[in-house]
């Protein structure tokens, strides 16, 4: 699997009264493959065509629904996670909505 993008995975910090996002993991950056979602995946995610994306990441990445992924100037919200921890290349498939 080609992981051609550098992403920053962030999670809301629930301990503060204001909405703050903190990086997840020891490293602040992770690798991913990001691409536009198909029409079917967009429909199932309840997204808008052109603003719904799919990302493939390492199976060991601690990602949760509602997390935010930043890459370059764009931010995405994680709306779905599928685990593919079997087979020759274990990975996770994320459904993302562009903010």
C-alpha atoms as a PDB file:
ATOM      1  CA  UNK A   1       0.000   0.000   0.000  1.00  0.00           C
ATOM      2  CA  UNK A   2       1.373   3.395  -0.966  1.00  0.00           C
ATOM      3  CA  UNK A   3       1.061   5.870   1.907  1.00  0.00           C
ATOM      4  CA  UNK A   4       1.837   9.058   0.018  1.00  0.00           C
ATOM      5  CA  UNK A   5       0.481  11.769   2.340  1.00  0.00           C
ATOM      6  CA  UNK A   6       1.655  13.073   5.678  1.00  0.00           C
ATOM      7  CA  UNK A   7      -1.267  13.641   8.036  1.00  0.00           C
ATOM      8  CA  UNK A   8      -1.758  14.943  11.554  1.00  0.00           C
ATOM      9  CA  UNK A   9      -4.360  13.044  13.576  1.00  0.00           C
ATOM     10  CA  UNK A  10      -6.034  15.154  16.263  1.00  0.00           C
ATOM     11  CA  UNK A  11      -8.566  14.378  18.983  1.00  0.00           C
ATOM     12  CA  UNK A  12     -10.759  16.744  20.997  1.00  0.00           C
ATOM     13  CA  UNK A  13      -9.562  17.386  24.517  1.00  0.00           C
ATOM     14  CA  UNK A  14     -12.608  16.938  26.753  1.00  0.00           C
ATOM     15  CA  UNK A  15     -10.892  18.306  29.865  1.00  0.00           C
ATOM     16  CA  UNK A  16     -11.098  21.954  28.832  1.00  0.00           C
ATOM     17  CA  UNK A  17     -14.164  24.210  28.594  1.00  0.00           C
ATOM     18  CA  UNK A  18     -13.110  25.401  25.133  1.00  0.00           C
ATOM     19  CA  UNK A  19     -12.813  23.135  22.120  1.00  0.00           C
ATOM     20  CA  UNK A  20      -9.171  22.213  21.693  1.00  0.00           C
ATOM     21  CA  UNK A  21      -7.591  19.546  19.512  1.00  0.00           C
ATOM     22  CA  UNK A  22      -4.460  17.635  20.499  1.00  0.00           C
ATOM     23  CA  UNK A  23      -2.231  15.432  18.315  1.00  0.00           C
ATOM     24  CA  UNK A  24      -2.626  11.674  18.792  1.00  0.00           C
ATOM     25  CA  UNK A  25       0.338   9.356  19.275  1.00  0.00           C
ATOM     26  CA  UNK A  26       4.012   9.752  20.014  1.00  0.00           C
ATOM     27  CA  UNK A  27       4.733  11.159  16.583  1.00  0.00           C
ATOM     28  CA  UNK A  28       2.637  14.107  15.547  1.00  0.00           C
ATOM     29  CA  UNK A  29       2.606  12.979  11.914  1.00  0.00           C
ATOM     30  CA  UNK A  30       1.430   9.766  10.303  1.00  0.00           C
ATOM     31  CA  UNK A  31       1.295   8.381   6.751  1.00  0.00           C
ATOM     32  CA  UNK A  32      -1.885   7.822   4.715  1.00  0.00           C
ATOM     33  CA  UNK A  33      -3.268   7.350   1.232  1.00  0.00           C
ATOM     34  CA  UNK A  34      -6.097   9.840   0.638  1.00  0.00           C
ATOM     35  CA  UNK A  35      -8.489   9.750  -2.317  1.00  0.00           C
ATOM     36  CA  UNK A  36     -12.014  10.901  -3.257  1.00  0.00           C
ATOM     37  CA  UNK A  37     -14.769   8.507  -2.196  1.00  0.00           C
ATOM     38  CA  UNK A  38     -16.967   6.728  -4.710  1.00  0.00           C
ATOM     39  CA  UNK A  39     -20.593   7.783  -5.141  1.00  0.00           C
ATOM     40  CA  UNK A  40     -21.711   4.763  -3.104  1.00  0.00           C
ATOM     41  CA  UNK A  41     -19.340   5.485  -0.208  1.00  0.00           C
ATOM     42  CA  UNK A  42     -20.470   9.128  -0.228  1.00  0.00           C
ATOM     43  CA  UNK A  43     -24.119   8.062  -0.011  1.00  0.00           C
ATOM     44  CA  UNK A  44     -23.493   5.639   2.876  1.00  0.00           C
ATOM     45  CA  UNK A  45     -21.508   8.257   4.824  1.00  0.00           C
ATOM     46  CA  UNK A  46     -24.237  10.855   4.402  1.00  0.00           C
ATOM     47  CA  UNK A  47     -21.700  13.135   2.785  1.00  0.00           C
ATOM     48  CA  UNK A  48     -21.624  15.461  -0.185  1.00  0.00           C
ATOM     49  CA  UNK A  49     -20.024  14.383  -3.440  1.00  0.00           C
ATOM     50  CA  UNK A  50     -16.661  16.137  -3.745  1.00  0.00           C
ATOM     51  CA  UNK A  51     -16.341  16.589   0.028  1.00  0.00           C
ATOM     52  CA  UNK A  52     -16.227  12.913   1.020  1.00  0.00           C
ATOM     53  CA  UNK A  53     -12.887  11.099   0.971  1.00  0.00           C
ATOM     54  CA  UNK A  54     -11.411   7.709   1.818  1.00  0.00           C
ATOM     55  CA  UNK A  55      -8.074   7.289   3.578  1.00  0.00           C
ATOM     56  CA  UNK A  56      -6.028   4.141   4.076  1.00  0.00           C
ATOM     57  CA  UNK A  57      -3.778   4.128   7.143  1.00  0.00           C
ATOM     58  CA  UNK A  58      -1.686   1.683   9.144  1.00  0.00           C
ATOM     59  CA  UNK A  59      -3.641  -0.863  11.197  1.00  0.00           C
ATOM     60  CA  UNK A  60      -1.804   0.283  14.336  1.00  0.00           C
ATOM     61  CA  UNK A  61      -2.985   3.915  14.134  1.00  0.00           C
ATOM     62  CA  UNK A  62      -5.229   4.795  17.115  1.00  0.00           C
ATOM     63  CA  UNK A  63      -8.022   6.560  15.228  1.00  0.00           C
ATOM     64  CA  UNK A  64     -11.603   7.056  16.462  1.00  0.00           C
ATOM     65  CA  UNK A  65     -14.852   8.323  14.992  1.00  0.00           C
ATOM     66  CA  UNK A  66     -14.967  12.113  15.335  1.00  0.00           C
ATOM     67  CA  UNK A  67     -11.193  12.611  15.182  1.00  0.00           C
ATOM     68  CA  UNK A  68      -9.821  15.262  12.849  1.00  0.00           C
ATOM     69  CA  UNK A  69      -7.193  14.676  10.176  1.00  0.00           C
ATOM     70  CA  UNK A  70      -5.179  17.582   8.792  1.00  0.00           C
ATOM     71  CA  UNK A  71      -3.059  17.431   5.671  1.00  0.00           C
ATOM     72  CA  UNK A  72      -1.683  20.560   4.085  1.00  0.00           C
ATOM     73  CA  UNK A  73      -4.315  23.303   4.234  1.00  0.00           C
ATOM     74  CA  UNK A  74      -7.284  20.903   4.528  1.00  0.00           C
ATOM     75  CA  UNK A  75      -9.050  19.319   7.508  1.00  0.00           C
ATOM     76  CA  UNK A  76     -11.267  16.238   7.499  1.00  0.00           C
ATOM     77  CA  UNK A  77     -13.537  14.676  10.115  1.00  0.00           C
ATOM     78  CA  UNK A  78     -13.443  10.889  10.543  1.00  0.00           C
ATOM     79  CA  UNK A  79     -16.954   9.494   9.935  1.00  0.00           C
ATOM     80  CA  UNK A  80     -16.264   5.776   9.628  1.00  0.00           C
ATOM     81  CA  UNK A  81     -13.544   3.206  10.305  1.00  0.00           C
ATOM     82  CA  UNK A  82     -13.201  -0.242   8.778  1.00  0.00           C
ATOM     83  CA  UNK A  83     -10.561  -2.629  10.126  1.00  0.00           C
ATOM     84  CA  UNK A  84      -8.729  -4.831   7.664  1.00  0.00           C
ATOM     85  CA  UNK A  85      -6.324  -6.433  10.149  1.00  0.00           C
ATOM     86  CA  UNK A  86      -6.072  -9.634   8.110  1.00  0.00           C
ATOM     87  CA  UNK A  87      -4.423 -10.519   4.836  1.00  0.00           C
ATOM     88  CA  UNK A  88      -1.029  -9.574   3.488  1.00  0.00           C
ATOM     89  CA  UNK A  89      -1.348  -5.811   4.208  1.00  0.00           C
ATOM     90  CA  UNK A  90      -3.212  -5.019   7.451  1.00  0.00           C
ATOM     91  CA  UNK A  91      -4.714  -1.526   7.348  1.00  0.00           C
ATOM     92  CA  UNK A  92      -7.704   0.646   8.248  1.00  0.00           C
ATOM     93  CA  UNK A  93     -10.039   2.329   5.772  1.00  0.00           C
ATOM     94  CA  UNK A  94     -11.368   5.683   7.000  1.00  0.00           C
ATOM     95  CA  UNK A  95     -14.315   7.608   5.615  1.00  0.00           C
ATOM     96  CA  UNK A  96     -13.648  11.346   5.890  1.00  0.00           C
ATOM     97  CA  UNK A  97     -15.737  14.478   5.425  1.00  0.00           C
ATOM     98  CA  UNK A  98     -13.934  17.618   4.331  1.00  0.00           C
ATOM     99  CA  UNK A  99     -14.493  20.543   6.697  1.00  0.00           C
END
